[in-house]
Amino acid sequence: MKLLVNEPQRGYLVIGLIVASNETVPSEWSSIPQANSLTALNVKNINLLVIAPQYGTDKNLAKELYPKLFEHVQILRLEQFYEEIFKRIPPFTFSESWFLSNLQEQQKKIYDRVRVLVDYIAAVLMGLIWLITFPFVAIAIKLTSSGPIFYHHTRLGRNRIPFTIYKYRTMKVLAADGSAEISGPQFAMSEDNRITKVGKFLRRTRLDEIPQFINILKNEMSLIGPRPERPEFVEQITTTMPFYPLRHLIKPGLMGWAQLHQDYYGTIEENLRKLEYDLYYIKNRGFLIDVAIILRTVNVVVGMKGR
């Protein structure tokens, strides 16, 4: 509600609220007409009705809403509207029954098979780019910071199977094992002072991810999917959100839906938000959303907007 009121450019205008007699609404919504039924609300020119979860089984409300079908009024449950507006799955829907009804993996078998071919073609093209750019990137890394050219670390893939991910090193070597962590695993942050000058360029252009064509060829990753996460973080986040492992239903990807909405997810709370985007992609994945992700990622690379 707050978003719709503050951002009218989204194309929605709230013209009324149906509120039960024992419910209260925030004071900032007091200017919006309110009533305990649709009939009593008596508002005109309704294009969309959004039904809150607690009213989903209200028979009296259903009787009031039924005639609206003949007026071509769109009726959506709150979770459907939330998903349409934010392009992520609302956390208040998270339950075993909801996931069983909405994550229909068996219906995507043909799509997944075609995607395997697309992944291999993309990996070969990435390999060619890697051959051309490797000498320049390697020299730049070695001349500007001490340490290895490549960074490799354990990540969890489909069905939580661990694999080794490959990237160009973009951070300073701060520990004896060659990592940039001196006090245990930590999330990368925006404007992280561990990132080298060359590393910033590699991240902005996403060239640091190019070596992952190896992971795609090994069938450990896909071109598009939830970004692979470290086992330590998965275990930590799962204690807060038991449904977090659902993001491992599919192979992790080089590009992800969540990364287009925020570059870094540096806290537990932000990673739970990322889960909403990841589940949205898993639920709705198909060729159209894949093309959208690729085009928007190309825009990020060309504009050097990566981090």
C-alpha atoms as a PDB file:
ATOM      1  CA  MET A   1       0.000   0.000   0.000  1.00  0.00           C
ATOM      2  CA  LYS A   2       2.733   2.454   0.986  1.00  0.00           C
ATOM      3  CA  LEU A   3       4.532   1.810  -2.298  1.00  0.00           C
ATOM      4  CA  LEU A   4       1.399   2.448  -4.377  1.00  0.00           C
ATOM      5  CA  VAL A   5       0.679   5.705  -2.555  1.00  0.00           C
ATOM      6  CA  ASN A   6       4.265   6.968  -2.775  1.00  0.00           C
ATOM      7  CA  GLU A   7       4.910   5.845  -6.359  1.00  0.00           C
ATOM      8  CA  PRO A   8       1.870   6.750  -8.500  1.00  0.00           C
ATOM      9  CA  GLN A   9       4.041   6.332 -11.627  1.00  0.00           C
ATOM     10  CA  ARG A  10       3.480   2.594 -11.290  1.00  0.00           C
ATOM     11  CA  GLY A  11       0.002   3.229 -12.650  1.00  0.00           C
ATOM     12  CA  TYR A  12      -2.106   2.299  -9.612  1.00  0.00           C
ATOM     13  CA  LEU A  13      -4.398   4.572  -7.604  1.00  0.00           C
ATOM     14  CA  VAL A  14      -5.885   3.269  -4.357  1.00  0.00           C
ATOM     15  CA  ILE A  15      -9.537   4.412  -4.290  1.00  0.00           C
ATOM     16  CA  GLY A  16     -10.847   2.424  -1.345  1.00  0.00           C
ATOM     17  CA  LEU A  17     -10.207  -0.128   1.395  1.00  0.00           C
ATOM     18  CA  ILE A  18     -12.443  -2.874   2.752  1.00  0.00           C
ATOM     19  CA  VAL A  19     -11.653  -3.094   6.463  1.00  0.00           C
ATOM     20  CA  ALA A  20     -13.242  -5.376   9.056  1.00  0.00           C
ATOM     21  CA  SER A  21     -14.796  -3.677  12.072  1.00  0.00           C
ATOM     22  CA  ASN A  22     -12.076  -5.046  14.374  1.00  0.00           C
ATOM     23  CA  GLU A  23      -9.211  -3.907  12.126  1.00  0.00           C
ATOM     24  CA  THR A  24      -7.289  -0.632  12.128  1.00  0.00           C
ATOM     25  CA  VAL A  25      -5.244   0.918   9.357  1.00  0.00           C
ATOM     26  CA  PRO A  26      -2.246   3.257   9.602  1.00  0.00           C
ATOM     27  CA  SER A  27      -3.109   6.923  10.125  1.00  0.00           C
ATOM     28  CA  GLU A  28      -1.452   7.944   6.839  1.00  0.00           C
ATOM     29  CA  TRP A  29      -4.176   6.009   4.981  1.00  0.00           C
ATOM     30  CA  SER A  30      -7.021   7.822   6.735  1.00  0.00           C
ATOM     31  CA  SER A  31      -7.757   9.917   3.621  1.00  0.00           C
ATOM     32  CA  ILE A  32      -8.604   6.761   1.622  1.00  0.00           C
ATOM     33  CA  PRO A  33     -12.332   5.803   1.734  1.00  0.00           C
ATOM     34  CA  GLN A  34     -12.943   2.763   3.976  1.00  0.00           C
ATOM     35  CA  ALA A  35     -15.885   0.454   4.661  1.00  0.00           C
ATOM     36  CA  ASN A  36     -16.554  -3.067   5.932  1.00  0.00           C
ATOM     37  CA  SER A  37     -17.949  -4.305   2.603  1.00  0.00           C
ATOM     38  CA  LEU A  38     -17.642  -3.589  -1.094  1.00  0.00           C
ATOM     39  CA  THR A  39     -21.250  -2.478  -1.291  1.00  0.00           C
ATOM     40  CA  ALA A  40     -20.830  -0.034   1.589  1.00  0.00           C
ATOM     41  CA  LEU A  41     -17.621   1.309   0.084  1.00  0.00           C
ATOM     42  CA  ASN A  42     -19.615   2.469  -2.958  1.00  0.00           C
ATOM     43  CA  VAL A  43     -16.704   3.456  -5.199  1.00  0.00           C
ATOM     44  CA  LYS A  44     -16.904   3.725  -8.972  1.00  0.00           C
ATOM     45  CA  ASN A  45     -14.552   2.929 -11.858  1.00  0.00           C
ATOM     46  CA  ILE A  46     -12.805  -0.020 -10.212  1.00  0.00           C
ATOM     47  CA  ASN A  47     -10.311  -1.747 -12.506  1.00  0.00           C
ATOM     48  CA  LEU A  48      -8.590  -4.008 -10.005  1.00  0.00           C
ATOM     49  CA  LEU A  49      -9.514  -5.601  -6.684  1.00  0.00           C
ATOM     50  CA  VAL A  50      -6.740  -7.009  -4.469  1.00  0.00           C
ATOM     51  CA  ILE A  51      -7.824  -9.564  -1.874  1.00  0.00           C
ATOM     52  CA  ALA A  52      -5.830  -9.937   1.359  1.00  0.00           C
ATOM     53  CA  PRO A  53      -5.104 -13.531   2.534  1.00  0.00           C
ATOM     54  CA  GLN A  54      -7.499 -13.324   5.506  1.00  0.00           C
ATOM     55  CA  TYR A  55     -10.393 -12.662   3.118  1.00  0.00           C
ATOM     56  CA  GLY A  56      -9.549 -15.467   0.693  1.00  0.00           C
ATOM     57  CA  THR A  57     -12.214 -17.794   2.138  1.00  0.00           C
ATOM     58  CA  ASP A  58     -14.808 -15.128   3.042  1.00  0.00           C
ATOM     59  CA  LYS A  59     -18.030 -16.376   1.389  1.00  0.00           C
ATOM     60  CA  ASN A  60     -19.867 -13.067   1.833  1.00  0.00           C
ATOM     61  CA  LEU A  61     -17.069 -11.172   0.119  1.00  0.00           C
ATOM     62  CA  ALA A  62     -16.996 -13.772  -2.663  1.00  0.00           C
ATOM     63  CA  LYS A  63     -20.705 -13.135  -3.320  1.00  0.00           C
ATOM     64  CA  GLU A  64     -19.992  -9.407  -3.579  1.00  0.00           C
ATOM     65  CA  LEU A  65     -17.059  -9.938  -5.901  1.00  0.00           C
ATOM     66  CA  TYR A  66     -18.756 -12.361  -8.285  1.00  0.00           C
ATOM     67  CA  PRO A  67     -20.803  -9.698 -10.187  1.00  0.00           C
ATOM     68  CA  LYS A  68     -17.546  -7.762 -10.777  1.00  0.00           C
ATOM     69  CA  LEU A  69     -16.471 -10.488 -13.194  1.00  0.00           C
ATOM     70  CA  PHE A  70     -19.204  -9.297 -15.586  1.00  0.00           C
ATOM     71  CA  GLU A  71     -17.870  -5.738 -15.260  1.00  0.00           C
ATOM     72  CA  HIS A  72     -14.439  -6.978 -16.398  1.00  0.00           C
ATOM     73  CA  VAL A  73     -12.830  -6.021 -13.089  1.00  0.00           C
ATOM     74  CA  GLN A  74      -9.537  -7.840 -12.505  1.00  0.00           C
ATOM     75  CA  ILE A  75      -9.441  -9.685  -9.173  1.00  0.00           C
ATOM     76  CA  LEU A  76      -6.096 -10.737  -7.714  1.00  0.00           C
ATOM     77  CA  ARG A  77      -5.005 -12.245  -4.448  1.00  0.00           C
ATOM     78  CA  LEU A  78      -2.512 -10.103  -2.545  1.00  0.00           C
ATOM     79  CA  GLU A  79       0.337 -12.540  -3.212  1.00  0.00           C
ATOM     80  CA  GLN A  80      -0.372 -12.397  -6.964  1.00  0.00           C
ATOM     81  CA  PHE A  81      -0.400  -8.603  -6.914  1.00  0.00           C
ATOM     82  CA  TYR A  82       2.806  -8.477  -4.857  1.00  0.00           C
ATOM     83  CA  GLU A  83       4.522 -10.769  -7.351  1.00  0.00           C
ATOM     84  CA  GLU A  84       3.323  -8.691 -10.293  1.00  0.00           C
ATOM     85  CA  ILE A  85       4.521  -5.407  -8.758  1.00  0.00           C
ATOM     86  CA  PHE A  86       7.847  -6.459  -7.220  1.00  0.00           C
ATOM     87  CA  LYS A  87       8.749  -9.381  -9.521  1.00  0.00           C
ATOM     88  CA  ARG A  88       9.572 -11.526  -6.520  1.00  0.00           C
ATOM     89  CA  ILE A  89       7.727 -14.044  -4.357  1.00  0.00           C
ATOM     90  CA  PRO A  90       6.185 -12.528  -1.198  1.00  0.00           C
ATOM     91  CA  PRO A  91       7.594 -14.123   1.971  1.00  0.00           C
ATOM     92  CA  PHE A  92       4.146 -14.294   3.634  1.00  0.00           C
ATOM     93  CA  THR A  93       3.237 -17.065   1.165  1.00  0.00           C
ATOM     94  CA  PHE A  94       6.165 -19.317   2.096  1.00  0.00           C
ATOM     95  CA  SER A  95       4.809 -22.711   3.117  1.00  0.00           C
ATOM     96  CA  GLU A  96       5.128 -26.339   2.041  1.00  0.00           C
ATOM     97  CA  SER A  97       1.678 -26.288   0.428  1.00  0.00           C
ATOM     98  CA  TRP A  98       2.397 -23.103  -1.581  1.00  0.00           C
ATOM     99  CA  PHE A  99       5.673 -24.470  -2.942  1.00  0.00           C
ATOM    100  CA  LEU A 100       4.063 -27.806  -3.821  1.00  0.00           C
ATOM    101  CA  SER A 101       1.406 -25.964  -5.829  1.00  0.00           C
ATOM    102  CA  ASN A 102       3.648 -23.418  -7.559  1.00  0.00           C
ATOM    103  CA  LEU A 103       7.067 -24.965  -8.173  1.00  0.00           C
ATOM    104  CA  GLN A 104       6.104 -27.417 -10.909  1.00  0.00           C
ATOM    105  CA  GLU A 105       9.517 -28.611 -12.084  1.00  0.00           C
ATOM    106  CA  GLN A 106       8.120 -31.497 -14.142  1.00  0.00           C
ATOM    107  CA  GLN A 107       6.436 -29.025 -16.497  1.00  0.00           C
ATOM    108  CA  LYS A 108       9.760 -27.459 -17.495  1.00  0.00           C
ATOM    109  CA  LYS A 109      11.565 -30.546 -18.801  1.00  0.00           C
ATOM    110  CA  ILE A 110      11.551 -29.481 -22.476  1.00  0.00           C
ATOM    111  CA  TYR A 111      12.690 -25.974 -21.575  1.00  0.00           C
ATOM    112  CA  ASP A 112      15.498 -27.363 -19.388  1.00  0.00           C
ATOM    113  CA  ARG A 113      16.737 -29.639 -22.190  1.00  0.00           C
ATOM    114  CA  VAL A 114      16.896 -26.766 -24.676  1.00  0.00           C
ATOM    115  CA  ARG A 115      18.661 -24.662 -22.070  1.00  0.00           C
ATOM    116  CA  VAL A 116      21.446 -27.226 -21.789  1.00  0.00           C
ATOM    117  CA  LEU A 117      22.240 -26.723 -25.496  1.00  0.00           C
ATOM    118  CA  VAL A 118      22.072 -22.934 -25.110  1.00  0.00           C
ATOM    119  CA  ASP A 119      24.400 -23.142 -22.107  1.00  0.00           C
ATOM    120  CA  TYR A 120      27.034 -25.093 -24.033  1.00  0.00           C
ATOM    121  CA  ILE A 121      26.915 -22.673 -26.967  1.00  0.00           C
ATOM    122  CA  ALA A 122      27.233 -19.709 -24.583  1.00  0.00           C
ATOM    123  CA  ALA A 123      30.124 -21.389 -22.749  1.00  0.00           C
ATOM    124  CA  VAL A 124      32.034 -21.926 -26.007  1.00  0.00           C
ATOM    125  CA  LEU A 125      31.577 -18.261 -26.939  1.00  0.00           C
ATOM    126  CA  MET A 126      32.712 -17.217 -23.464  1.00  0.00           C
ATOM    127  CA  GLY A 127      35.748 -19.458 -23.872  1.00  0.00           C
ATOM    128  CA  LEU A 128      36.692 -17.594 -27.050  1.00  0.00           C
ATOM    129  CA  ILE A 129      36.360 -14.266 -25.250  1.00  0.00           C
ATOM    130  CA  TRP A 130      38.495 -15.655 -22.445  1.00  0.00           C
ATOM    131  CA  LEU A 131      41.262 -16.693 -24.892  1.00  0.00           C
ATOM    132  CA  ILE A 132      41.351 -13.198 -26.385  1.00  0.00           C
ATOM    133  CA  THR A 133      41.262 -11.242 -23.124  1.00  0.00           C
ATOM    134  CA  PHE A 134      43.252 -13.527 -20.804  1.00  0.00           C
ATOM    135  CA  PRO A 135      46.772 -12.175 -21.564  1.00  0.00           C
ATOM    136  CA  PHE A 136      45.695  -8.580 -20.908  1.00  0.00           C
ATOM    137  CA  VAL A 137      43.706  -9.375 -17.766  1.00  0.00           C
ATOM    138  CA  ALA A 138      46.440 -11.627 -16.353  1.00  0.00           C
ATOM    139  CA  ILE A 139      49.157  -9.003 -16.863  1.00  0.00           C
ATOM    140  CA  ALA A 140      46.990  -6.276 -15.304  1.00  0.00           C
ATOM    141  CA  ILE A 141      46.266  -8.392 -12.213  1.00  0.00           C
ATOM    142  CA  LYS A 142      49.907  -9.395 -11.683  1.00  0.00           C
ATOM    143  CA  LEU A 143      51.274  -5.864 -12.191  1.00  0.00           C
ATOM    144  CA  THR A 144      48.889  -4.202  -9.762  1.00  0.00           C
ATOM    145  CA  SER A 145      48.640  -6.659  -6.849  1.00  0.00           C
ATOM    146  CA  SER A 146      50.405  -9.680  -5.436  1.00  0.00           C
ATOM    147  CA  GLY A 147      48.718 -13.049  -5.494  1.00  0.00           C
ATOM    148  CA  PRO A 148      47.256 -15.541  -7.974  1.00  0.00           C
ATOM    149  CA  ILE A 149      45.450 -14.566 -11.171  1.00  0.00           C
ATOM    150  CA  PHE A 150      42.463 -16.793 -10.498  1.00  0.00           C
ATOM    151  CA  TYR A 151      40.205 -17.139  -7.496  1.00  0.00           C
ATOM    152  CA  HIS A 152      38.538 -20.473  -6.819  1.00  0.00           C
ATOM    153  CA  HIS A 153      36.254 -21.449  -4.017  1.00  0.00           C
ATOM    154  CA  THR A 154      33.613 -24.015  -3.074  1.00  0.00           C
ATOM    155  CA  ARG A 155      30.005 -23.244  -3.947  1.00  0.00           C
ATOM    156  CA  LEU A 156      26.794 -25.249  -3.726  1.00  0.00           C
ATOM    157  CA  GLY A 157      25.121 -26.245  -6.982  1.00  0.00           C
ATOM    158  CA  ARG A 158      21.940 -28.027  -7.907  1.00  0.00           C
ATOM    159  CA  ASN A 159      20.674 -30.267  -5.089  1.00  0.00           C
ATOM    160  CA  ARG A 160      23.313 -28.646  -2.840  1.00  0.00           C
ATOM    161  CA  ILE A 161      26.152 -30.563  -4.516  1.00  0.00           C
ATOM    162  CA  PRO A 162      29.445 -28.692  -3.903  1.00  0.00           C
ATOM    163  CA  PHE A 163      31.676 -27.634  -6.791  1.00  0.00           C
ATOM    164  CA  THR A 164      34.651 -25.336  -7.346  1.00  0.00           C
ATOM    165  CA  ILE A 165      33.855 -21.996  -8.964  1.00  0.00           C
ATOM    166  CA  TYR A 166      36.446 -20.070 -10.999  1.00  0.00           C
ATOM    167  CA  LYS A 167      36.840 -16.299 -11.252  1.00  0.00           C
ATOM    168  CA  TYR A 168      39.558 -13.757 -11.846  1.00  0.00           C
ATOM    169  CA  ARG A 169      40.900 -12.499  -8.523  1.00  0.00           C
ATOM    170  CA  THR A 170      39.529  -9.021  -7.839  1.00  0.00           C
ATOM    171  CA  MET A 171      40.475  -8.617  -4.168  1.00  0.00           C
ATOM    172  CA  LYS A 172      43.702  -8.142  -2.257  1.00  0.00           C
ATOM    173  CA  VAL A 173      45.407 -11.172  -0.742  1.00  0.00           C
ATOM    174  CA  LEU A 174      45.096 -10.689   3.015  1.00  0.00           C
ATOM    175  CA  ALA A 175      45.382 -14.230   4.400  1.00  0.00           C
ATOM    176  CA  ALA A 176      47.979 -16.977   4.162  1.00  0.00           C
ATOM    177  CA  ASP A 177      45.650 -19.133   2.057  1.00  0.00           C
ATOM    178  CA  GLY A 178      45.482 -16.429  -0.610  1.00  0.00           C
ATOM    179  CA  SER A 179      41.995 -15.213   0.313  1.00  0.00           C
ATOM    180  CA  ALA A 180      40.800 -11.725   1.214  1.00  0.00           C
ATOM    181  CA  GLU A 181      39.296 -12.889   4.524  1.00  0.00           C
ATOM    182  CA  ILE A 182      41.188 -12.622   7.777  1.00  0.00           C
ATOM    183  CA  SER A 183      38.361 -13.293  10.233  1.00  0.00           C
ATOM    184  CA  GLY A 184      36.335 -16.048   8.621  1.00  0.00           C
ATOM    185  CA  PRO A 185      33.820 -15.994   5.758  1.00  0.00           C
ATOM    186  CA  GLN A 186      32.183 -12.637   5.097  1.00  0.00           C
ATOM    187  CA  PHE A 187      29.803 -11.280   2.497  1.00  0.00           C
ATOM    188  CA  ALA A 188      31.172  -8.949  -0.181  1.00  0.00           C
ATOM    189  CA  MET A 189      29.950  -5.391   0.300  1.00  0.00           C
ATOM    190  CA  SER A 190      29.355  -2.392  -1.931  1.00  0.00           C
ATOM    191  CA  GLU A 191      32.482  -0.202  -2.018  1.00  0.00           C
ATOM    192  CA  ASP A 192      34.463  -3.026  -0.391  1.00  0.00           C
ATOM    193  CA  ASN A 193      37.982  -1.719   0.312  1.00  0.00           C
ATOM    194  CA  ARG A 194      39.419  -5.180  -0.326  1.00  0.00           C
ATOM    195  CA  ILE A 195      38.739  -4.798  -4.062  1.00  0.00           C
ATOM    196  CA  THR A 196      41.766  -3.808  -6.144  1.00  0.00           C
ATOM    197  CA  LYS A 197      41.691  -1.082  -8.818  1.00  0.00           C
ATOM    198  CA  VAL A 198      41.868  -3.674 -11.585  1.00  0.00           C
ATOM    199  CA  GLY A 199      39.293  -5.706  -9.690  1.00  0.00           C
ATOM    200  CA  LYS A 200      36.847  -2.794  -9.825  1.00  0.00           C
ATOM    201  CA  PHE A 201      37.182  -2.671 -13.614  1.00  0.00           C
ATOM    202  CA  LEU A 202      36.759  -6.424 -13.927  1.00  0.00           C
ATOM    203  CA  ARG A 203      33.635  -6.335 -11.760  1.00  0.00           C
ATOM    204  CA  ARG A 204      32.113  -3.365 -13.589  1.00  0.00           C
ATOM    205  CA  THR A 205      32.532  -5.135 -16.923  1.00  0.00           C
ATOM    206  CA  ARG A 206      31.743  -8.579 -15.420  1.00  0.00           C
ATOM    207  CA  LEU A 207      34.981  -9.879 -16.947  1.00  0.00           C
ATOM    208  CA  ASP A 208      35.829 -11.432 -13.580  1.00  0.00           C
ATOM    209  CA  GLU A 209      33.047 -13.982 -14.206  1.00  0.00           C
ATOM    210  CA  ILE A 210      34.328 -15.122 -17.627  1.00  0.00           C
ATOM    211  CA  PRO A 211      36.332 -18.116 -16.258  1.00  0.00           C
ATOM    212  CA  GLN A 212      33.030 -19.654 -15.171  1.00  0.00           C
ATOM    213  CA  PHE A 213      32.587 -20.911 -18.724  1.00  0.00           C
ATOM    214  CA  ILE A 214      34.530 -23.896 -17.342  1.00  0.00           C
ATOM    215  CA  ASN A 215      31.801 -24.500 -14.754  1.00  0.00           C
ATOM    216  CA  ILE A 216      29.117 -24.294 -17.452  1.00  0.00           C
ATOM    217  CA  LEU A 217      30.954 -26.787 -19.667  1.00  0.00           C
ATOM    218  CA  LYS A 218      31.251 -29.112 -16.667  1.00  0.00           C
ATOM    219  CA  ASN A 219      27.446 -28.854 -16.221  1.00  0.00           C
ATOM    220  CA  GLU A 220      27.911 -27.389 -12.742  1.00  0.00           C
ATOM    221  CA  MET A 221      26.393 -24.037 -13.686  1.00  0.00           C
ATOM    222  CA  SER A 222      23.991 -22.580 -16.212  1.00  0.00           C
ATOM    223  CA  LEU A 223      24.049 -19.292 -18.093  1.00  0.00           C
ATOM    224  CA  ILE A 224      21.081 -18.053 -16.034  1.00  0.00           C
ATOM    225  CA  GLY A 225      19.999 -19.027 -12.555  1.00  0.00           C
ATOM    226  CA  PRO A 226      20.427 -18.130  -8.881  1.00  0.00           C
ATOM    227  CA  ARG A 227      24.009 -17.105  -8.190  1.00  0.00           C
ATOM    228  CA  PRO A 228      25.937 -19.937  -6.450  1.00  0.00           C
ATOM    229  CA  GLU A 229      26.466 -19.419  -2.742  1.00  0.00           C
ATOM    230  CA  ARG A 230      29.117 -20.575  -0.287  1.00  0.00           C
ATOM    231  CA  PRO A 231      28.207 -23.546   1.957  1.00  0.00           C
ATOM    232  CA  GLU A 232      28.923 -21.546   5.119  1.00  0.00           C
ATOM    233  CA  PHE A 233      26.455 -18.859   4.134  1.00  0.00           C
ATOM    234  CA  VAL A 234      23.826 -21.376   3.017  1.00  0.00           C
ATOM    235  CA  GLU A 235      23.982 -23.090   6.401  1.00  0.00           C
ATOM    236  CA  GLN A 236      23.803 -19.760   8.214  1.00  0.00           C
ATOM    237  CA  ILE A 237      20.848 -18.432   6.206  1.00  0.00           C
ATOM    238  CA  THR A 238      18.961 -21.762   6.350  1.00  0.00           C
ATOM    239  CA  THR A 239      18.817 -21.529  10.151  1.00  0.00           C
ATOM    240  CA  THR A 240      16.808 -18.324   9.669  1.00  0.00           C
ATOM    241  CA  MET A 241      14.823 -19.398   6.593  1.00  0.00           C
ATOM    242  CA  PRO A 242      14.293 -23.189   6.303  1.00  0.00           C
ATOM    243  CA  PHE A 243      13.063 -22.804   2.702  1.00  0.00           C
ATOM    244  CA  TYR A 244      16.350 -21.268   1.526  1.00  0.00           C
ATOM    245  CA  PRO A 245      17.585 -24.599  -0.001  1.00  0.00           C
ATOM    246  CA  LEU A 246      14.755 -24.351  -2.574  1.00  0.00           C
ATOM    247  CA  ARG A 247      17.028 -22.077  -4.622  1.00  0.00           C
ATOM    248  CA  HIS A 248      19.095 -25.212  -5.280  1.00  0.00           C
ATOM    249  CA  LEU A 249      16.293 -26.881  -7.235  1.00  0.00           C
ATOM    250  CA  ILE A 250      18.037 -25.733 -10.421  1.00  0.00           C
ATOM    251  CA  LYS A 251      21.639 -25.159 -11.430  1.00  0.00           C
ATOM    252  CA  PRO A 252      23.160 -21.861 -10.303  1.00  0.00           C
ATOM    253  CA  GLY A 253      23.789 -19.305 -13.021  1.00  0.00           C
ATOM    254  CA  LEU A 254      26.334 -16.860 -14.339  1.00  0.00           C
ATOM    255  CA  MET A 255      23.534 -14.273 -14.525  1.00  0.00           C
ATOM    256  CA  GLY A 256      20.652 -14.028 -12.084  1.00  0.00           C
ATOM    257  CA  TRP A 257      17.297 -12.288 -11.695  1.00  0.00           C
ATOM    258  CA  ALA A 258      18.232 -11.121  -8.197  1.00  0.00           C
ATOM    259  CA  GLN A 259      21.476  -9.482  -9.384  1.00  0.00           C
ATOM    260  CA  LEU A 260      19.520  -7.226 -11.742  1.00  0.00           C
ATOM    261  CA  HIS A 261      17.659  -5.744  -8.793  1.00  0.00           C
ATOM    262  CA  GLN A 262      20.579  -5.352  -6.388  1.00  0.00           C
ATOM    263  CA  ASP A 263      24.311  -5.876  -6.842  1.00  0.00           C
ATOM    264  CA  TYR A 264      25.247  -6.994  -3.351  1.00  0.00           C
ATOM    265  CA  TYR A 265      23.395  -8.961  -0.705  1.00  0.00           C
ATOM    266  CA  GLY A 266      25.711  -8.425   2.258  1.00  0.00           C
ATOM    267  CA  THR A 267      23.476  -9.317   5.212  1.00  0.00           C
ATOM    268  CA  ILE A 268      21.179 -12.156   6.229  1.00  0.00           C
ATOM    269  CA  GLU A 269      18.146  -9.912   5.681  1.00  0.00           C
ATOM    270  CA  GLU A 270      19.296  -8.938   2.193  1.00  0.00           C
ATOM    271  CA  ASN A 271      19.915 -12.583   1.299  1.00  0.00           C
ATOM    272  CA  LEU A 272      16.403 -13.453   2.384  1.00  0.00           C
ATOM    273  CA  ARG A 273      15.214 -10.750  -0.034  1.00  0.00           C
ATOM    274  CA  LYS A 274      17.400 -12.336  -2.707  1.00  0.00           C
ATOM    275  CA  LEU A 275      15.598 -15.629  -2.058  1.00  0.00           C
ATOM    276  CA  GLU A 276      12.325 -13.937  -3.049  1.00  0.00           C
ATOM    277  CA  TYR A 277      13.828 -13.012  -6.428  1.00  0.00           C
ATOM    278  CA  ASP A 278      15.428 -16.439  -6.892  1.00  0.00           C
ATOM    279  CA  LEU A 279      12.147 -18.227  -6.218  1.00  0.00           C
ATOM    280  CA  TYR A 280      10.372 -15.871  -8.617  1.00  0.00           C
ATOM    281  CA  TYR A 281      12.807 -16.912 -11.337  1.00  0.00           C
ATOM    282  CA  ILE A 282      12.500 -20.624 -10.518  1.00  0.00           C
ATOM    283  CA  LYS A 283       8.683 -20.377 -10.594  1.00  0.00           C
ATOM    284  CA  ASN A 284       8.460 -18.297 -13.780  1.00  0.00           C
ATOM    285  CA  ARG A 285      11.592 -19.282 -15.670  1.00  0.00           C
ATOM    286  CA  GLY A 286      11.230 -19.567 -19.416  1.00  0.00           C
ATOM    287  CA  PHE A 287      12.672 -18.165 -22.611  1.00  0.00           C
ATOM    288  CA  LEU A 288      11.046 -14.735 -22.285  1.00  0.00           C
ATOM    289  CA  ILE A 289      12.422 -13.982 -18.826  1.00  0.00           C
ATOM    290  CA  ASP A 290      15.804 -15.419 -19.882  1.00  0.00           C
ATOM    291  CA  VAL A 291      15.984 -13.018 -22.836  1.00  0.00           C
ATOM    292  CA  ALA A 292      15.065 -10.139 -20.514  1.00  0.00           C
ATOM    293  CA  ILE A 293      17.851 -11.097 -18.092  1.00  0.00           C
ATOM    294  CA  ILE A 294      20.413 -11.385 -20.908  1.00  0.00           C
ATOM    295  CA  LEU A 295      19.473  -8.011 -22.427  1.00  0.00           C
ATOM    296  CA  ARG A 296      19.532  -6.231 -19.084  1.00  0.00           C
ATOM    297  CA  THR A 297      22.855  -7.859 -18.187  1.00  0.00           C
ATOM    298  CA  VAL A 298      24.330  -6.740 -21.528  1.00  0.00           C
ATOM    299  CA  ASN A 299      23.205  -3.221 -20.632  1.00  0.00           C
ATOM    300  CA  VAL A 300      25.030  -3.535 -17.297  1.00  0.00           C
ATOM    301  CA  VAL A 301      28.223  -4.750 -18.998  1.00  0.00           C
ATOM    302  CA  VAL A 302      28.191  -2.132 -21.773  1.00  0.00           C
ATOM    303  CA  GLY A 303      27.460   0.641 -19.283  1.00  0.00           C
ATOM    304  CA  MET A 304      30.084  -0.714 -16.847  1.00  0.00           C
ATOM    305  CA  LYS A 305      27.436  -0.749 -14.127  1.00  0.00           C
ATOM    306  CA  GLY A 306      28.542  -3.958 -12.452  1.00  0.00           C
ATOM    307  CA  ARG A 307      30.051  -3.999  -8.966  1.00  0.00           C
END
